[in-house]
Amino acid sequence: MTTSHTGEPIDRRSLRTRTALRDALIELITERGWDDIAVRDICVRANIGRSTFYLHYPNKDELLQGGFEGLQAELQRQARTRSDDASPSTESTESTESTEESVGFLFVPGLIEHAHEQRKLFRGLIGRRSGYVVQQRFREMVIRLITDELPTSTGSFPREAVARSLAGAFVELLSWWIEQCAPLPPKELAALFDELSWPALKRERSLHHVPPVYPATQSA
């Protein structure tokens, strides 16, 4: 059941209000960028009174956070569906190995497709016009998504460090991509991140640090 920021259950009327507020915020981010939006602007766009706004959210930051939590839940639902579809059958070991080698982070295709369909919005969220708060909230969402799919053991590296490192790489890659005039197709971008992140997803993987080899120097 959906709950408010106070922990209270939300009825259908409240859900409609929250949807209107989130839609208004999305439109305004697309048009103006985060920093130029005030609560009153959101209320005017949603045709909702400020007192009603504060019944649901203490500020625009929490409204934004609620939107990202909804997106996270949808991406995780899609990831579970992909996981079920990718589950290997017992009929072919060869097919099993192929499936395991081709599956990266399961939330990535859905998020990239969403960014592709809403390029203007994502430029406002994580592009050059984005504000620090929005970028931080988006990054935190990606960290949670990655943490949810990381193997329990990440070898000698702290699990949180691995999650944050991969999330930073993904956000930077996505930020670069949405600003391109002729970007890679979504599937190619997803494949690129899969290639970069695949070592961290290998189950029962033991990580060892291999020191770099430098050419021998001649003594004078």
N, C-alpha and C. Protein backbone atom coordinates (compact mmCIF):
# COMPACT_ATOMS: atom_id res chain seq x y z
N MET A 1 0.84 -1.21 0.00
CA MET A 1 0.00 0.00 0.00
C MET A 1 0.87 1.25 0.00
N THR A 2 0.49 2.26 -0.79
CA THR A 2 1.23 3.51 -0.83
C THR A 2 0.96 4.31 0.43
N THR A 3 2.03 4.95 0.96
CA THR A 3 1.88 5.76 2.16
C THR A 3 2.43 7.15 1.93
N SER A 4 2.01 8.10 2.76
CA SER A 4 2.50 9.47 2.68
C SER A 4 3.81 9.58 3.43
N HIS A 5 4.40 10.81 3.42
CA HIS A 5 5.66 11.00 4.12
C HIS A 5 5.49 10.87 5.63
N THR A 6 4.26 10.92 6.11
CA THR A 6 3.99 10.73 7.54
C THR A 6 3.71 9.27 7.88
N GLY A 7 3.67 8.40 6.85
CA GLY A 7 3.41 6.99 7.08
C GLY A 7 1.94 6.61 6.98
N GLU A 8 1.08 7.60 6.66
CA GLU A 8 -0.35 7.34 6.57
C GLU A 8 -0.68 6.70 5.22
N PRO A 9 -1.64 5.75 5.18
CA PRO A 9 -2.09 5.18 3.90
C PRO A 9 -2.68 6.27 3.01
N ILE A 10 -2.52 6.12 1.69
CA ILE A 10 -2.99 7.12 0.74
C ILE A 10 -4.20 6.58 -0.02
N ASP A 11 -5.29 7.35 -0.05
CA ASP A 11 -6.47 6.92 -0.78
C ASP A 11 -6.37 7.36 -2.24
N ARG A 12 -7.38 6.99 -3.04
CA ARG A 12 -7.32 7.27 -4.47
C ARG A 12 -7.29 8.76 -4.77
N ARG A 13 -8.05 9.53 -4.02
CA ARG A 13 -8.07 10.98 -4.24
C ARG A 13 -6.69 11.57 -3.98
N SER A 14 -6.05 11.10 -2.92
CA SER A 14 -4.71 11.58 -2.61
C SER A 14 -3.71 11.16 -3.69
N LEU A 15 -3.89 9.96 -4.21
CA LEU A 15 -3.01 9.50 -5.28
C LEU A 15 -3.14 10.37 -6.52
N ARG A 16 -4.38 10.77 -6.84
CA ARG A 16 -4.59 11.66 -7.99
C ARG A 16 -3.91 13.01 -7.75
N THR A 17 -3.99 13.51 -6.52
CA THR A 17 -3.35 14.79 -6.19
C THR A 17 -1.84 14.67 -6.34
N ARG A 18 -1.28 13.59 -5.82
CA ARG A 18 0.16 13.38 -5.90
C ARG A 18 0.62 13.23 -7.35
N THR A 19 -0.18 12.54 -8.15
CA THR A 19 0.16 12.38 -9.56
C THR A 19 0.16 13.73 -10.26
N ALA A 20 -0.84 14.56 -9.96
CA ALA A 20 -0.91 15.90 -10.56
C ALA A 20 0.29 16.74 -10.16
N LEU A 21 0.70 16.66 -8.92
CA LEU A 21 1.86 17.42 -8.45
C LEU A 21 3.15 16.94 -9.11
N ARG A 22 3.30 15.64 -9.24
CA ARG A 22 4.50 15.11 -9.88
C ARG A 22 4.54 15.45 -11.36
N ASP A 23 3.39 15.38 -12.03
CA ASP A 23 3.33 15.75 -13.44
C ASP A 23 3.69 17.22 -13.62
N ALA A 24 3.19 18.07 -12.71
CA ALA A 24 3.51 19.50 -12.77
C ALA A 24 4.99 19.73 -12.58
N LEU A 25 5.59 19.01 -11.62
CA LEU A 25 7.03 19.16 -11.37
C LEU A 25 7.84 18.74 -12.59
N ILE A 26 7.45 17.65 -13.22
CA ILE A 26 8.14 17.18 -14.42
C ILE A 26 8.09 18.22 -15.52
N GLU A 27 6.92 18.79 -15.75
CA GLU A 27 6.77 19.82 -16.79
C GLU A 27 7.65 21.03 -16.50
N LEU A 28 7.69 21.44 -15.24
CA LEU A 28 8.46 22.62 -14.87
C LEU A 28 9.97 22.37 -14.94
N ILE A 29 10.39 21.18 -14.55
CA ILE A 29 11.81 20.84 -14.67
C ILE A 29 12.23 20.87 -16.13
N THR A 30 11.38 20.34 -17.00
CA THR A 30 11.65 20.34 -18.43
C THR A 30 11.75 21.76 -18.97
N GLU A 31 10.90 22.65 -18.49
CA GLU A 31 10.85 24.02 -19.00
C GLU A 31 11.91 24.93 -18.39
N ARG A 32 12.12 24.81 -17.07
CA ARG A 32 12.92 25.80 -16.36
C ARG A 32 14.20 25.27 -15.71
N GLY A 33 14.20 24.00 -15.35
CA GLY A 33 15.28 23.49 -14.52
C GLY A 33 14.88 23.58 -13.05
N TRP A 34 15.49 22.76 -12.22
CA TRP A 34 15.09 22.60 -10.82
C TRP A 34 15.21 23.88 -10.01
N ASP A 35 16.30 24.58 -10.14
CA ASP A 35 16.58 25.72 -9.26
C ASP A 35 15.59 26.87 -9.42
N ASP A 36 14.93 26.97 -10.55
CA ASP A 36 14.01 28.08 -10.79
C ASP A 36 12.56 27.73 -10.47
N ILE A 37 12.34 26.65 -9.78
CA ILE A 37 10.98 26.20 -9.46
C ILE A 37 10.71 26.42 -7.98
N ALA A 38 9.57 27.02 -7.67
CA ALA A 38 9.12 27.19 -6.29
C ALA A 38 7.85 26.36 -6.08
N VAL A 39 7.51 26.11 -4.83
CA VAL A 39 6.31 25.33 -4.52
C VAL A 39 5.08 25.98 -5.13
N ARG A 40 5.01 27.30 -5.09
CA ARG A 40 3.84 27.99 -5.65
C ARG A 40 3.71 27.74 -7.15
N ASP A 41 4.85 27.61 -7.86
CA ASP A 41 4.82 27.32 -9.30
C ASP A 41 4.22 25.94 -9.55
N ILE A 42 4.60 24.99 -8.72
CA ILE A 42 4.08 23.63 -8.86
C ILE A 42 2.57 23.61 -8.62
N CYS A 43 2.15 24.34 -7.59
CA CYS A 43 0.72 24.37 -7.24
C CYS A 43 -0.11 25.02 -8.34
N VAL A 44 0.40 26.10 -8.91
CA VAL A 44 -0.32 26.78 -9.99
C VAL A 44 -0.44 25.86 -11.19
N ARG A 45 0.66 25.18 -11.55
CA ARG A 45 0.64 24.30 -12.71
C ARG A 45 -0.30 23.11 -12.49
N ALA A 46 -0.35 22.60 -11.27
CA ALA A 46 -1.20 21.44 -10.96
C ALA A 46 -2.63 21.84 -10.61
N ASN A 47 -2.86 23.17 -10.48
CA ASN A 47 -4.17 23.70 -10.07
C ASN A 47 -4.58 23.12 -8.71
N ILE A 48 -3.62 23.16 -7.80
CA ILE A 48 -3.82 22.64 -6.45
C ILE A 48 -3.36 23.70 -5.44
N GLY A 49 -4.11 23.88 -4.37
CA GLY A 49 -3.76 24.88 -3.36
C GLY A 49 -2.49 24.52 -2.60
N ARG A 50 -1.78 25.52 -2.10
CA ARG A 50 -0.54 25.27 -1.37
C ARG A 50 -0.79 24.48 -0.08
N SER A 51 -1.92 24.74 0.55
CA SER A 51 -2.22 23.99 1.77
C SER A 51 -2.37 22.50 1.46
N THR A 52 -2.95 22.19 0.29
CA THR A 52 -3.08 20.79 -0.12
C THR A 52 -1.71 20.19 -0.42
N PHE A 53 -0.85 20.99 -1.04
CA PHE A 53 0.51 20.52 -1.31
C PHE A 53 1.17 20.07 -0.02
N TYR A 54 1.09 20.91 1.01
CA TYR A 54 1.80 20.62 2.26
C TYR A 54 1.16 19.49 3.07
N LEU A 55 -0.05 19.11 2.70
CA LEU A 55 -0.64 17.92 3.31
C LEU A 55 0.08 16.65 2.83
N HIS A 56 0.67 16.75 1.65
CA HIS A 56 1.31 15.59 1.04
C HIS A 56 2.84 15.63 1.11
N TYR A 57 3.42 16.81 0.97
CA TYR A 57 4.87 16.94 0.94
C TYR A 57 5.30 18.17 1.74
N PRO A 58 6.37 18.06 2.53
CA PRO A 58 6.84 19.22 3.28
C PRO A 58 7.55 20.25 2.42
N ASN A 59 8.05 19.82 1.26
CA ASN A 59 8.78 20.72 0.36
C ASN A 59 8.91 20.08 -1.02
N LYS A 60 9.46 20.80 -1.97
CA LYS A 60 9.57 20.28 -3.33
C LYS A 60 10.61 19.16 -3.42
N ASP A 61 11.58 19.16 -2.50
CA ASP A 61 12.58 18.10 -2.47
C ASP A 61 11.93 16.74 -2.22
N GLU A 62 10.99 16.71 -1.28
CA GLU A 62 10.31 15.45 -0.97
C GLU A 62 9.40 15.01 -2.11
N LEU A 63 8.83 15.97 -2.82
CA LEU A 63 8.03 15.65 -4.01
C LEU A 63 8.92 15.00 -5.06
N LEU A 64 10.10 15.55 -5.25
CA LEU A 64 11.07 14.98 -6.19
C LEU A 64 11.47 13.58 -5.77
N GLN A 65 11.75 13.43 -4.47
CA GLN A 65 12.15 12.12 -3.95
C GLN A 65 11.05 11.09 -4.16
N GLY A 66 9.81 11.49 -3.95
CA GLY A 66 8.69 10.58 -4.18
C GLY A 66 8.62 10.13 -5.63
N GLY A 67 8.92 11.04 -6.54
CA GLY A 67 8.92 10.69 -7.95
C GLY A 67 10.01 9.67 -8.27
N PHE A 68 11.19 9.86 -7.71
CA PHE A 68 12.29 8.92 -7.95
C PHE A 68 12.00 7.56 -7.31
N GLU A 69 11.33 7.56 -6.16
CA GLU A 69 10.98 6.29 -5.53
C GLU A 69 9.98 5.52 -6.39
N GLY A 70 9.04 6.26 -7.00
CA GLY A 70 8.10 5.60 -7.91
C GLY A 70 8.79 5.04 -9.13
N LEU A 71 9.76 5.79 -9.68
CA LEU A 71 10.52 5.32 -10.83
C LEU A 71 11.35 4.10 -10.45
N GLN A 72 11.96 4.14 -9.28
CA GLN A 72 12.75 3.00 -8.82
C GLN A 72 11.89 1.74 -8.70
N ALA A 73 10.72 1.88 -8.13
CA ALA A 73 9.83 0.73 -7.97
C ALA A 73 9.46 0.14 -9.32
N GLU A 74 9.18 0.99 -10.31
CA GLU A 74 8.82 0.50 -11.64
C GLU A 74 10.01 -0.18 -12.31
N LEU A 75 11.20 0.39 -12.18
CA LEU A 75 12.39 -0.21 -12.79
C LEU A 75 12.70 -1.56 -12.14
N GLN A 76 12.49 -1.68 -10.85
CA GLN A 76 12.71 -2.96 -10.17
C GLN A 76 11.67 -4.00 -10.59
N ARG A 77 10.45 -3.55 -10.83
CA ARG A 77 9.43 -4.47 -11.33
C ARG A 77 9.83 -4.99 -12.71
N GLN A 78 10.29 -4.09 -13.59
CA GLN A 78 10.74 -4.50 -14.91
C GLN A 78 11.95 -5.43 -14.82
N ALA A 79 12.85 -5.13 -13.87
CA ALA A 79 14.03 -5.97 -13.70
C ALA A 79 13.65 -7.38 -13.27
N ARG A 80 12.66 -7.50 -12.39
CA ARG A 80 12.21 -8.83 -11.98
C ARG A 80 11.63 -9.61 -13.15
N THR A 81 10.91 -8.89 -14.02
CA THR A 81 10.35 -9.53 -15.21
C THR A 81 11.47 -10.02 -16.12
N ARG A 82 12.50 -9.18 -16.32
CA ARG A 82 13.63 -9.60 -17.15
C ARG A 82 14.36 -10.77 -16.53
N SER A 83 14.47 -10.77 -15.20
CA SER A 83 15.13 -11.86 -14.51
C SER A 83 14.39 -13.17 -14.73
N ASP A 84 13.05 -13.12 -14.66
CA ASP A 84 12.25 -14.32 -14.90
C ASP A 84 12.40 -14.80 -16.33
N ASP A 85 12.42 -13.84 -17.27
CA ASP A 85 12.56 -14.20 -18.68
C ASP A 85 13.94 -14.78 -18.98
N ALA A 86 14.96 -14.29 -18.23
CA ALA A 86 16.33 -14.73 -18.49
C ALA A 86 16.71 -15.97 -17.70
N SER A 87 15.82 -16.46 -16.83
CA SER A 87 16.14 -17.65 -16.03
C SER A 87 16.41 -18.82 -16.96
N PRO A 88 17.57 -19.48 -16.80
CA PRO A 88 17.94 -20.57 -17.72
C PRO A 88 17.07 -21.81 -17.53
N SER A 89 16.79 -22.47 -18.61
CA SER A 89 16.05 -23.73 -18.54
C SER A 89 17.04 -24.85 -18.26
N THR A 90 16.53 -25.97 -17.84
CA THR A 90 17.40 -27.13 -17.55
C THR A 90 17.67 -27.95 -18.80
N GLU A 91 17.16 -27.48 -19.94
CA GLU A 91 17.27 -28.28 -21.16
C GLU A 91 18.64 -28.14 -21.81
N SER A 92 19.27 -26.96 -21.66
CA SER A 92 20.51 -26.75 -22.38
C SER A 92 21.52 -26.01 -21.54
N THR A 93 22.62 -26.67 -21.21
CA THR A 93 23.70 -26.02 -20.46
C THR A 93 24.34 -24.94 -21.29
N GLU A 94 24.45 -25.17 -22.58
CA GLU A 94 25.05 -24.19 -23.48
C GLU A 94 24.23 -22.92 -23.49
N SER A 95 22.90 -23.04 -23.51
CA SER A 95 22.01 -21.88 -23.47
C SER A 95 22.15 -21.14 -22.16
N THR A 96 22.33 -21.92 -21.06
CA THR A 96 22.49 -21.32 -19.75
C THR A 96 23.72 -20.44 -19.70
N GLU A 97 24.84 -20.94 -20.21
CA GLU A 97 26.07 -20.17 -20.19
C GLU A 97 25.94 -18.92 -21.03
N SER A 98 25.27 -19.01 -22.17
CA SER A 98 25.06 -17.85 -23.02
C SER A 98 24.24 -16.79 -22.33
N THR A 99 23.17 -17.23 -21.61
CA THR A 99 22.31 -16.29 -20.90
C THR A 99 23.07 -15.56 -19.81
N GLU A 100 23.89 -16.34 -19.03
CA GLU A 100 24.62 -15.74 -17.93
C GLU A 100 25.61 -14.70 -18.43
N GLU A 101 26.22 -14.96 -19.60
CA GLU A 101 27.23 -14.05 -20.11
C GLU A 101 26.61 -12.78 -20.69
N SER A 102 25.31 -12.79 -20.99
CA SER A 102 24.71 -11.66 -21.69
C SER A 102 23.90 -10.74 -20.79
N VAL A 103 23.67 -11.17 -19.52
CA VAL A 103 22.81 -10.39 -18.64
C VAL A 103 23.64 -9.53 -17.71
N GLY A 104 23.45 -8.21 -17.77
CA GLY A 104 24.12 -7.30 -16.86
C GLY A 104 23.14 -6.83 -15.81
N PHE A 105 23.23 -5.57 -15.41
CA PHE A 105 22.26 -5.02 -14.47
C PHE A 105 20.90 -4.94 -15.15
N LEU A 106 19.91 -5.56 -14.54
CA LEU A 106 18.62 -5.70 -15.20
C LEU A 106 17.80 -4.43 -15.24
N PHE A 107 18.10 -3.45 -14.38
CA PHE A 107 17.35 -2.20 -14.39
C PHE A 107 17.81 -1.27 -15.50
N VAL A 108 19.02 -1.49 -16.01
CA VAL A 108 19.66 -0.54 -16.93
C VAL A 108 18.87 -0.33 -18.24
N PRO A 109 18.44 -1.39 -18.95
CA PRO A 109 17.70 -1.15 -20.20
C PRO A 109 16.45 -0.29 -20.01
N GLY A 110 15.71 -0.55 -18.94
CA GLY A 110 14.49 0.23 -18.69
C GLY A 110 14.78 1.69 -18.41
N LEU A 111 15.82 1.97 -17.64
CA LEU A 111 16.15 3.36 -17.32
C LEU A 111 16.68 4.10 -18.54
N ILE A 112 17.48 3.43 -19.35
CA ILE A 112 18.00 4.05 -20.57
C ILE A 112 16.87 4.32 -21.56
N GLU A 113 15.95 3.36 -21.70
CA GLU A 113 14.81 3.56 -22.59
C GLU A 113 13.96 4.75 -22.12
N HIS A 114 13.76 4.83 -20.81
CA HIS A 114 12.98 5.94 -20.24
C HIS A 114 13.67 7.27 -20.53
N ALA A 115 14.99 7.31 -20.37
CA ALA A 115 15.74 8.54 -20.65
C ALA A 115 15.67 8.88 -22.13
N HIS A 116 15.69 7.85 -22.97
CA HIS A 116 15.61 8.07 -24.42
C HIS A 116 14.25 8.66 -24.82
N GLU A 117 13.19 8.16 -24.19
CA GLU A 117 11.84 8.66 -24.50
C GLU A 117 11.59 10.04 -23.91
N GLN A 118 12.29 10.37 -22.83
CA GLN A 118 12.08 11.64 -22.13
C GLN A 118 13.40 12.43 -22.09
N ARG A 119 14.02 12.60 -23.25
CA ARG A 119 15.34 13.22 -23.30
C ARG A 119 15.33 14.63 -22.72
N LYS A 120 14.32 15.40 -23.07
CA LYS A 120 14.26 16.77 -22.58
C LYS A 120 14.15 16.81 -21.06
N LEU A 121 13.34 15.92 -20.50
CA LEU A 121 13.21 15.84 -19.06
C LEU A 121 14.53 15.45 -18.42
N PHE A 122 15.20 14.46 -18.96
CA PHE A 122 16.45 14.00 -18.36
C PHE A 122 17.57 15.02 -18.49
N ARG A 123 17.50 15.86 -19.51
CA ARG A 123 18.47 16.96 -19.57
C ARG A 123 18.26 17.90 -18.38
N GLY A 124 16.98 18.06 -17.97
CA GLY A 124 16.68 18.88 -16.81
C GLY A 124 17.05 18.19 -15.50
N LEU A 125 17.02 16.85 -15.51
CA LEU A 125 17.32 16.10 -14.30
C LEU A 125 18.82 15.95 -14.06
N ILE A 126 19.56 15.53 -15.09
CA ILE A 126 20.98 15.24 -14.89
C ILE A 126 21.88 15.89 -15.93
N GLY A 127 21.31 16.72 -16.80
CA GLY A 127 22.10 17.40 -17.82
C GLY A 127 22.74 18.68 -17.30
N ARG A 128 23.17 19.52 -18.20
CA ARG A 128 23.88 20.75 -17.83
C ARG A 128 23.01 21.72 -17.05
N ARG A 129 21.70 21.68 -17.27
CA ARG A 129 20.79 22.61 -16.59
C ARG A 129 20.33 22.10 -15.23
N SER A 130 20.75 20.91 -14.89
CA SER A 130 20.26 20.30 -13.66
C SER A 130 20.85 20.98 -12.42
N GLY A 131 20.10 20.89 -11.31
CA GLY A 131 20.59 21.40 -10.04
C GLY A 131 21.24 20.29 -9.24
N TYR A 132 22.02 20.67 -8.23
CA TYR A 132 22.75 19.70 -7.42
C TYR A 132 21.80 18.73 -6.73
N VAL A 133 20.68 19.25 -6.19
CA VAL A 133 19.75 18.40 -5.45
C VAL A 133 19.20 17.29 -6.34
N VAL A 134 18.82 17.65 -7.56
CA VAL A 134 18.24 16.66 -8.48
C VAL A 134 19.28 15.60 -8.84
N GLN A 135 20.49 16.04 -9.16
CA GLN A 135 21.54 15.09 -9.51
C GLN A 135 21.83 14.14 -8.35
N GLN A 136 21.85 14.69 -7.13
CA GLN A 136 22.13 13.87 -5.96
C GLN A 136 21.02 12.84 -5.72
N ARG A 137 19.77 13.27 -5.84
CA ARG A 137 18.65 12.34 -5.64
C ARG A 137 18.66 11.25 -6.72
N PHE A 138 18.97 11.63 -7.95
CA PHE A 138 19.03 10.64 -9.03
C PHE A 138 20.15 9.64 -8.78
N ARG A 139 21.31 10.15 -8.38
CA ARG A 139 22.44 9.27 -8.10
C ARG A 139 22.11 8.29 -6.97
N GLU A 140 21.43 8.79 -5.94
CA GLU A 140 21.05 7.92 -4.81
C GLU A 140 20.11 6.81 -5.27
N MET A 141 19.20 7.15 -6.20
CA MET A 141 18.31 6.13 -6.73
C MET A 141 19.10 5.06 -7.47
N VAL A 142 20.06 5.47 -8.29
CA VAL A 142 20.87 4.51 -9.04
C VAL A 142 21.70 3.64 -8.09
N ILE A 143 22.22 4.24 -7.03
CA ILE A 143 22.96 3.46 -6.04
C ILE A 143 22.08 2.37 -5.46
N ARG A 144 20.84 2.71 -5.12
CA ARG A 144 19.92 1.71 -4.56
C ARG A 144 19.62 0.61 -5.57
N LEU A 145 19.43 0.99 -6.82
CA LEU A 145 19.14 0.00 -7.86
C LEU A 145 20.32 -0.95 -8.05
N ILE A 146 21.51 -0.40 -8.08
CA ILE A 146 22.71 -1.23 -8.25
C ILE A 146 22.92 -2.13 -7.04
N THR A 147 22.78 -1.57 -5.84
CA THR A 147 22.95 -2.35 -4.62
C THR A 147 22.00 -3.53 -4.59
N ASP A 148 20.78 -3.31 -5.08
CA ASP A 148 19.76 -4.36 -5.09
C ASP A 148 20.17 -5.54 -5.96
N GLU A 149 21.02 -5.30 -6.98
CA GLU A 149 21.40 -6.36 -7.91
C GLU A 149 22.82 -6.86 -7.71
N LEU A 150 23.60 -6.19 -6.89
CA LEU A 150 24.97 -6.64 -6.67
C LEU A 150 25.00 -7.98 -5.96
N PRO A 151 25.98 -8.81 -6.26
CA PRO A 151 26.13 -10.06 -5.50
C PRO A 151 26.43 -9.75 -4.04
N THR A 152 26.10 -10.68 -3.18
CA THR A 152 26.30 -10.47 -1.75
C THR A 152 27.76 -10.18 -1.41
N SER A 153 28.64 -10.90 -2.08
CA SER A 153 30.07 -10.70 -1.87
C SER A 153 30.68 -9.97 -3.06
N THR A 154 31.47 -8.95 -2.77
CA THR A 154 32.20 -8.24 -3.83
C THR A 154 33.70 -8.39 -3.59
N GLY A 155 34.06 -9.55 -3.06
CA GLY A 155 35.47 -9.85 -2.88
C GLY A 155 36.12 -8.98 -1.83
N SER A 156 37.30 -8.47 -2.13
CA SER A 156 38.06 -7.69 -1.17
C SER A 156 37.62 -6.24 -1.12
N PHE A 157 36.70 -5.83 -2.01
CA PHE A 157 36.23 -4.46 -2.03
C PHE A 157 34.93 -4.31 -1.25
N PRO A 158 34.77 -3.24 -0.48
CA PRO A 158 33.51 -3.01 0.24
C PRO A 158 32.35 -2.92 -0.75
N ARG A 159 31.25 -3.57 -0.42
CA ARG A 159 30.09 -3.61 -1.32
C ARG A 159 29.56 -2.21 -1.63
N GLU A 160 29.49 -1.36 -0.61
CA GLU A 160 29.00 0.01 -0.83
C GLU A 160 29.92 0.78 -1.76
N ALA A 161 31.22 0.57 -1.63
CA ALA A 161 32.17 1.26 -2.50
C ALA A 161 31.97 0.85 -3.96
N VAL A 162 31.75 -0.45 -4.18
CA VAL A 162 31.52 -0.94 -5.54
C VAL A 162 30.23 -0.34 -6.10
N ALA A 163 29.17 -0.32 -5.28
CA ALA A 163 27.88 0.22 -5.73
C ALA A 163 28.01 1.70 -6.10
N ARG A 164 28.69 2.46 -5.26
CA ARG A 164 28.84 3.89 -5.52
C ARG A 164 29.72 4.15 -6.75
N SER A 165 30.73 3.35 -6.91
CA SER A 165 31.60 3.51 -8.08
C SER A 165 30.85 3.23 -9.38
N LEU A 166 30.09 2.14 -9.40
CA LEU A 166 29.33 1.79 -10.60
C LEU A 166 28.21 2.80 -10.86
N ALA A 167 27.57 3.28 -9.78
CA ALA A 167 26.51 4.28 -9.95
C ALA A 167 27.07 5.57 -10.53
N GLY A 168 28.24 5.99 -10.03
CA GLY A 168 28.86 7.19 -10.57
C GLY A 168 29.19 7.05 -12.05
N ALA A 169 29.69 5.88 -12.42
CA ALA A 169 30.02 5.62 -13.82
C ALA A 169 28.77 5.65 -14.68
N PHE A 170 27.69 5.03 -14.19
CA PHE A 170 26.45 4.99 -14.97
C PHE A 170 25.85 6.39 -15.14
N VAL A 171 25.80 7.16 -14.06
CA VAL A 171 25.21 8.51 -14.13
C VAL A 171 26.01 9.39 -15.07
N GLU A 172 27.34 9.31 -15.01
CA GLU A 172 28.18 10.11 -15.91
C GLU A 172 27.97 9.69 -17.36
N LEU A 173 27.88 8.38 -17.58
CA LEU A 173 27.65 7.87 -18.94
C LEU A 173 26.30 8.34 -19.47
N LEU A 174 25.27 8.26 -18.65
CA LEU A 174 23.94 8.70 -19.06
C LEU A 174 23.89 10.21 -19.28
N SER A 175 24.56 10.97 -18.42
CA SER A 175 24.60 12.43 -18.56
C SER A 175 25.27 12.84 -19.87
N TRP A 176 26.35 12.15 -20.20
CA TRP A 176 27.03 12.41 -21.47
C TRP A 176 26.14 12.07 -22.64
N TRP A 177 25.46 10.94 -22.55
CA TRP A 177 24.65 10.42 -23.65
C TRP A 177 23.49 11.33 -23.99
N ILE A 178 22.79 11.85 -22.99
CA ILE A 178 21.58 12.64 -23.27
C ILE A 178 21.91 14.01 -23.87
N GLU A 179 23.17 14.41 -23.77
CA GLU A 179 23.57 15.71 -24.33
C GLU A 179 24.10 15.60 -25.75
N GLN A 180 24.25 14.36 -26.24
CA GLN A 180 24.81 14.17 -27.57
C GLN A 180 23.79 14.49 -28.66
N CYS A 181 24.27 15.10 -29.75
CA CYS A 181 23.38 15.40 -30.89
C CYS A 181 23.01 14.12 -31.63
N ALA A 182 23.95 13.20 -31.72
CA ALA A 182 23.69 11.92 -32.38
C ALA A 182 24.10 10.80 -31.43
N PRO A 183 23.29 10.54 -30.40
CA PRO A 183 23.67 9.57 -29.38
C PRO A 183 23.63 8.13 -29.87
N LEU A 184 24.34 7.28 -29.15
CA LEU A 184 24.27 5.84 -29.41
C LEU A 184 22.83 5.36 -29.24
N PRO A 185 22.42 4.34 -29.97
CA PRO A 185 21.11 3.72 -29.71
C PRO A 185 21.06 3.21 -28.27
N PRO A 186 19.89 3.22 -27.65
CA PRO A 186 19.77 2.77 -26.25
C PRO A 186 20.38 1.40 -25.99
N LYS A 187 20.17 0.44 -26.89
CA LYS A 187 20.70 -0.90 -26.67
C LYS A 187 22.23 -0.91 -26.67
N GLU A 188 22.84 -0.05 -27.49
CA GLU A 188 24.30 0.01 -27.52
C GLU A 188 24.85 0.64 -26.25
N LEU A 189 24.14 1.65 -25.73
CA LEU A 189 24.58 2.26 -24.47
C LEU A 189 24.47 1.26 -23.34
N ALA A 190 23.37 0.51 -23.30
CA ALA A 190 23.19 -0.51 -22.27
C ALA A 190 24.29 -1.56 -22.38
N ALA A 191 24.62 -1.96 -23.60
CA ALA A 191 25.67 -2.97 -23.80
C ALA A 191 27.03 -2.43 -23.35
N LEU A 192 27.27 -1.14 -23.57
CA LEU A 192 28.52 -0.52 -23.15
C LEU A 192 28.65 -0.56 -21.63
N PHE A 193 27.58 -0.19 -20.92
CA PHE A 193 27.65 -0.22 -19.45
C PHE A 193 27.75 -1.65 -18.94
N ASP A 194 27.07 -2.58 -19.59
CA ASP A 194 27.17 -3.98 -19.21
C ASP A 194 28.62 -4.46 -19.30
N GLU A 195 29.28 -4.04 -20.39
CA GLU A 195 30.68 -4.45 -20.59
C GLU A 195 31.58 -3.88 -19.49
N LEU A 196 31.31 -2.65 -19.10
CA LEU A 196 32.12 -2.01 -18.07
C LEU A 196 31.85 -2.57 -16.68
N SER A 197 30.60 -2.97 -16.44
CA SER A 197 30.21 -3.37 -15.09
C SER A 197 30.17 -4.88 -14.87
N TRP A 198 30.31 -5.65 -15.93
CA TRP A 198 30.15 -7.10 -15.82
C TRP A 198 31.03 -7.75 -14.75
N PRO A 199 32.30 -7.36 -14.60
CA PRO A 199 33.13 -8.02 -13.57
C PRO A 199 32.52 -7.95 -12.17
N ALA A 200 31.83 -6.84 -11.86
CA ALA A 200 31.25 -6.69 -10.51
C ALA A 200 30.02 -7.57 -10.31
N LEU A 201 29.45 -8.08 -11.39
CA LEU A 201 28.25 -8.89 -11.29
C LEU A 201 28.53 -10.39 -11.24
N LYS A 202 29.75 -10.79 -11.49
CA LYS A 202 30.05 -12.22 -11.53
C LYS A 202 29.89 -12.82 -10.14
N ARG A 203 29.10 -13.86 -10.05
CA ARG A 203 28.88 -14.53 -8.79
C ARG A 203 30.11 -15.36 -8.40
N GLU A 204 30.34 -15.47 -7.11
CA GLU A 204 31.44 -16.23 -6.56
C GLU A 204 32.78 -15.78 -7.16
N ARG A 205 32.89 -14.46 -7.34
CA ARG A 205 34.10 -13.91 -7.95
C ARG A 205 35.08 -13.48 -6.87
N SER A 206 36.31 -13.81 -7.02
CA SER A 206 37.34 -13.40 -6.06
C SER A 206 38.15 -12.29 -6.70
N LEU A 207 38.15 -11.10 -6.06
CA LEU A 207 38.86 -9.96 -6.59
C LEU A 207 40.27 -9.90 -6.00
N HIS A 208 41.21 -9.76 -6.86
CA HIS A 208 42.59 -9.64 -6.42
C HIS A 208 43.21 -8.42 -7.08
N HIS A 209 44.02 -7.73 -6.33
CA HIS A 209 44.70 -6.56 -6.88
C HIS A 209 45.96 -7.02 -7.59
N VAL A 210 46.08 -6.67 -8.86
CA VAL A 210 47.28 -7.01 -9.62
C VAL A 210 48.08 -5.74 -9.82
N PRO A 211 49.27 -5.64 -9.26
CA PRO A 211 50.04 -4.42 -9.40
C PRO A 211 50.47 -4.19 -10.85
N PRO A 212 50.53 -2.94 -11.28
CA PRO A 212 50.94 -2.66 -12.66
C PRO A 212 52.39 -3.04 -12.88
N VAL A 213 52.72 -3.40 -14.11
CA VAL A 213 54.09 -3.77 -14.47
C VAL A 213 54.69 -2.61 -15.23
N TYR A 214 55.77 -2.10 -14.72
CA TYR A 214 56.45 -0.99 -15.35
C TYR A 214 57.72 -1.48 -16.04
N PRO A 215 58.11 -0.84 -17.13
CA PRO A 215 59.34 -1.25 -17.81
C PRO A 215 60.55 -1.01 -16.92
N ALA A 216 61.50 -1.92 -16.99
CA ALA A 216 62.70 -1.79 -16.17
C ALA A 216 63.48 -0.55 -16.58
N THR A 217 64.02 0.12 -15.61
CA THR A 217 64.83 1.29 -15.90
C THR A 217 66.30 0.95 -15.75
N GLN A 218 67.09 1.53 -16.59
CA GLN A 218 68.54 1.27 -16.54
C GLN A 218 69.18 2.23 -15.57
N SER A 219 70.08 1.71 -14.77
CA SER A 219 70.78 2.61 -13.85
C SER A 219 71.78 3.45 -14.60
N ALA A 220 71.98 4.64 -14.12
CA ALA A 220 72.89 5.55 -14.80
C ALA A 220 74.31 5.07 -14.68
